[in-house]
C-alpha cells in the first residue's frame, strides 16, 4: 500500500478530502474503538489501543481471545443471529457490562 499522490496541506477541505486514505487509518476516533474479529473462528484479530478506555481490558487481554470470552456467550450469539438475519450494513447495539455500544458489523 502506498500513499503516493496524497498531499497533507495542514487542513482538510472538500478538495483534498477525497484523497484521504481512510481505509488505512493510523488512529480511531476518541469516541469509539475498533475491533476486528475473524468471521470463521470468532477470534479477535485486532483491536485499537483505546480498547482499554471502553472495555477496561488491555489490548493484550483482548487480541487472540474468542469474542464470546470478552463479551459473553449470550451477547455473541445475539450478534451472530443479527448478522444472519440482517444485511451487514445495519447497525447492532452491543451490550457490554450494562453499557450499550452502537456497532457497525461487517461480515466477510
C-alpha atoms as a PDB file:
ATOM      1  CA  UNK A   1       0.000   0.000   0.000  1.00  0.00           C
ATOM      2  CA  UNK A   2       1.346   3.382  -0.908  1.00  0.00           C
ATOM      3  CA  UNK A   3       0.194   6.878  -0.131  1.00  0.00           C
ATOM      4  CA  UNK A   4       1.858   8.356  -3.204  1.00  0.00           C
ATOM      5  CA  UNK A   5      -0.027  11.328  -4.523  1.00  0.00           C
ATOM      6  CA  UNK A   6      -1.581  12.232  -1.186  1.00  0.00           C
ATOM      7  CA  UNK A   7      -0.622  15.662  -0.011  1.00  0.00           C
ATOM      8  CA  UNK A   8      -1.039  16.914   3.523  1.00  0.00           C
ATOM      9  CA  UNK A   9      -1.695  20.636   3.451  1.00  0.00           C
ATOM     10  CA  UNK A  10      -2.284  21.022   7.154  1.00  0.00           C
ATOM     11  CA  UNK A  11      -6.033  21.391   6.797  1.00  0.00           C
ATOM     12  CA  UNK A  12      -8.906  19.471   5.306  1.00  0.00           C
ATOM     13  CA  UNK A  13     -11.080  20.869   2.566  1.00  0.00           C
ATOM     14  CA  UNK A  14     -13.592  19.291   0.233  1.00  0.00           C
ATOM     15  CA  UNK A  15     -10.899  19.416  -2.438  1.00  0.00           C
ATOM     16  CA  UNK A  16      -8.400  17.245  -0.549  1.00  0.00           C
ATOM     17  CA  UNK A  17     -10.850  15.141   1.477  1.00  0.00           C
ATOM     18  CA  UNK A  18     -11.357  12.629  -1.321  1.00  0.00           C
ATOM     19  CA  UNK A  19      -7.665  11.689  -1.338  1.00  0.00           C
ATOM     20  CA  UNK A  20      -7.537  10.904   2.377  1.00  0.00           C
ATOM     21  CA  UNK A  21      -6.685   7.204   2.882  1.00  0.00           C
ATOM     22  CA  UNK A  22      -9.375   6.391   5.443  1.00  0.00           C
ATOM     23  CA  UNK A  23      -9.031   2.682   4.729  1.00  0.00           C
ATOM     24  CA  UNK A  24      -5.560   2.742   6.339  1.00  0.00           C
ATOM     25  CA  UNK A  25      -6.196   4.743   9.497  1.00  0.00           C
ATOM     26  CA  UNK A  26      -3.463   5.485  11.988  1.00  0.00           C
ATOM     27  CA  UNK A  27      -5.866   6.078  14.847  1.00  0.00           C
ATOM     28  CA  UNK A  28      -9.513   5.711  15.762  1.00  0.00           C
ATOM     29  CA  UNK A  29     -11.811   8.499  16.813  1.00  0.00           C
ATOM     30  CA  UNK A  30     -11.678   9.029  20.597  1.00  0.00           C
ATOM     31  CA  UNK A  31     -15.387   8.248  20.963  1.00  0.00           C
ATOM     32  CA  UNK A  32     -15.084   4.740  19.521  1.00  0.00           C
ATOM     33  CA  UNK A  33     -12.931   1.671  19.294  1.00  0.00           C
ATOM     34  CA  UNK A  34     -12.043  -0.697  16.501  1.00  0.00           C
ATOM     35  CA  UNK A  35     -12.136  -4.449  16.868  1.00  0.00           C
ATOM     36  CA  UNK A  36     -11.596  -6.980  14.076  1.00  0.00           C
ATOM     37  CA  UNK A  37     -12.989 -10.463  14.621  1.00  0.00           C
ATOM     38  CA  UNK A  38     -12.296 -13.427  12.355  1.00  0.00           C
ATOM     39  CA  UNK A  39     -15.687 -14.409  10.929  1.00  0.00           C
ATOM     40  CA  UNK A  40     -14.721 -18.097  10.783  1.00  0.00           C
ATOM     41  CA  UNK A  41     -13.173 -18.591  14.229  1.00  0.00           C
ATOM     42  CA  UNK A  42     -14.710 -15.641  16.125  1.00  0.00           C
ATOM     43  CA  UNK A  43     -11.241 -14.882  17.488  1.00  0.00           C
ATOM     44  CA  UNK A  44     -10.286 -11.242  17.916  1.00  0.00           C
ATOM     45  CA  UNK A  45      -7.511 -10.491  15.434  1.00  0.00           C
ATOM     46  CA  UNK A  46      -7.085  -6.802  16.197  1.00  0.00           C
ATOM     47  CA  UNK A  47      -8.303  -4.062  18.482  1.00  0.00           C
ATOM     48  CA  UNK A  48      -7.396  -0.420  18.824  1.00  0.00           C
ATOM     49  CA  UNK A  49      -5.168   0.792  21.644  1.00  0.00           C
ATOM     50  CA  UNK A  50      -8.062   2.709  23.212  1.00  0.00           C
ATOM     51  CA  UNK A  51      -9.985  -0.528  23.864  1.00  0.00           C
ATOM     52  CA  UNK A  52      -8.922  -0.184  27.492  1.00  0.00           C
ATOM     53  CA  UNK A  53     -10.900   3.083  27.704  1.00  0.00           C
ATOM     54  CA  UNK A  54     -14.147   1.315  26.803  1.00  0.00           C
ATOM     55  CA  UNK A  55     -13.784  -2.277  27.984  1.00  0.00           C
ATOM     56  CA  UNK A  56     -11.278  -1.859  30.832  1.00  0.00           C
ATOM     57  CA  UNK A  57      -9.219  -4.507  29.052  1.00  0.00           C
ATOM     58  CA  UNK A  58      -5.731  -4.040  27.668  1.00  0.00           C
ATOM     59  CA  UNK A  59      -5.018  -4.945  24.034  1.00  0.00           C
ATOM     60  CA  UNK A  60      -3.054  -7.975  25.236  1.00  0.00           C
ATOM     61  CA  UNK A  61      -6.117  -9.159  27.164  1.00  0.00           C
ATOM     62  CA  UNK A  62      -8.283  -8.981  24.029  1.00  0.00           C
ATOM     63  CA  UNK A  63      -6.284  -9.962  20.931  1.00  0.00           C
ATOM     64  CA  UNK A  64      -6.301 -13.695  20.286  1.00  0.00           C
ATOM     65  CA  UNK A  65      -9.276 -14.322  22.571  1.00  0.00           C
ATOM     66  CA  UNK A  66     -12.644 -15.642  21.478  1.00  0.00           C
ATOM     67  CA  UNK A  67     -15.163 -12.812  21.180  1.00  0.00           C
ATOM     68  CA  UNK A  68     -17.539 -14.737  23.458  1.00  0.00           C
ATOM     69  CA  UNK A  69     -14.846 -14.764  26.139  1.00  0.00           C
ATOM     70  CA  UNK A  70     -14.823 -10.964  26.121  1.00  0.00           C
ATOM     71  CA  UNK A  71     -18.485 -10.024  25.588  1.00  0.00           C
ATOM     72  CA  UNK A  72     -20.136 -13.220  26.809  1.00  0.00           C
ATOM     73  CA  UNK A  73     -21.629 -16.202  25.031  1.00  0.00           C
ATOM     74  CA  UNK A  74     -25.188 -14.838  25.081  1.00  0.00           C
ATOM     75  CA  UNK A  75     -24.210 -11.480  23.534  1.00  0.00           C
ATOM     76  CA  UNK A  76     -22.054 -13.238  20.960  1.00  0.00           C
ATOM     77  CA  UNK A  77     -24.997 -15.459  19.970  1.00  0.00           C
ATOM     78  CA  UNK A  78     -27.256 -12.403  19.598  1.00  0.00           C
ATOM     79  CA  UNK A  79     -24.648 -10.724  17.407  1.00  0.00           C
ATOM     80  CA  UNK A  80     -24.319 -13.830  15.246  1.00  0.00           C
ATOM     81  CA  UNK A  81     -28.120 -14.005  14.806  1.00  0.00           C
ATOM     82  CA  UNK A  82     -28.131 -10.337  13.829  1.00  0.00           C
ATOM     83  CA  UNK A  83     -25.511 -10.982  11.151  1.00  0.00           C
ATOM     84  CA  UNK A  84     -27.562 -13.910   9.859  1.00  0.00           C
ATOM     85  CA  UNK A  85     -30.885 -12.044   9.811  1.00  0.00           C
ATOM     86  CA  UNK A  86     -29.766  -8.610   8.588  1.00  0.00           C
ATOM     87  CA  UNK A  87     -27.551  -7.042   6.000  1.00  0.00           C
ATOM     88  CA  UNK A  88     -24.102  -6.253   7.423  1.00  0.00           C
ATOM     89  CA  UNK A  89     -24.685  -2.514   6.970  1.00  0.00           C
ATOM     90  CA  UNK A  90     -27.406  -2.475   9.617  1.00  0.00           C
ATOM     91  CA  UNK A  91     -26.136  -1.334  12.988  1.00  0.00           C
ATOM     92  CA  UNK A  92     -26.194  -3.567  16.020  1.00  0.00           C
ATOM     93  CA  UNK A  93     -26.415  -2.456  19.631  1.00  0.00           C
ATOM     94  CA  UNK A  94     -23.967  -4.486  21.682  1.00  0.00           C
ATOM     95  CA  UNK A  95     -24.336  -4.521  25.451  1.00  0.00           C
ATOM     96  CA  UNK A  96     -21.166  -4.974  27.465  1.00  0.00           C
ATOM     97  CA  UNK A  97     -21.248  -4.698  31.261  1.00  0.00           C
ATOM     98  CA  UNK A  98     -24.573  -2.809  31.125  1.00  0.00           C
ATOM     99  CA  UNK A  99     -23.193  -0.269  28.607  1.00  0.00           C
ATOM    100  CA  UNK A 100     -24.707  -0.085  25.130  1.00  0.00           C
ATOM    101  CA  UNK A 101     -22.393   0.324  22.131  1.00  0.00           C
ATOM    102  CA  UNK A 102     -23.654   1.145  18.656  1.00  0.00           C
ATOM    103  CA  UNK A 103     -21.642  -1.086  16.360  1.00  0.00           C
ATOM    104  CA  UNK A 104     -21.082  -1.451  12.658  1.00  0.00           C
ATOM    105  CA  UNK A 105     -20.772  -5.104  11.762  1.00  0.00           C
ATOM    106  CA  UNK A 106     -19.301  -6.346   8.548  1.00  0.00           C
ATOM    107  CA  UNK A 107     -19.093  -9.998   7.604  1.00  0.00           C
ATOM    108  CA  UNK A 108     -16.637 -11.001   5.003  1.00  0.00           C
END
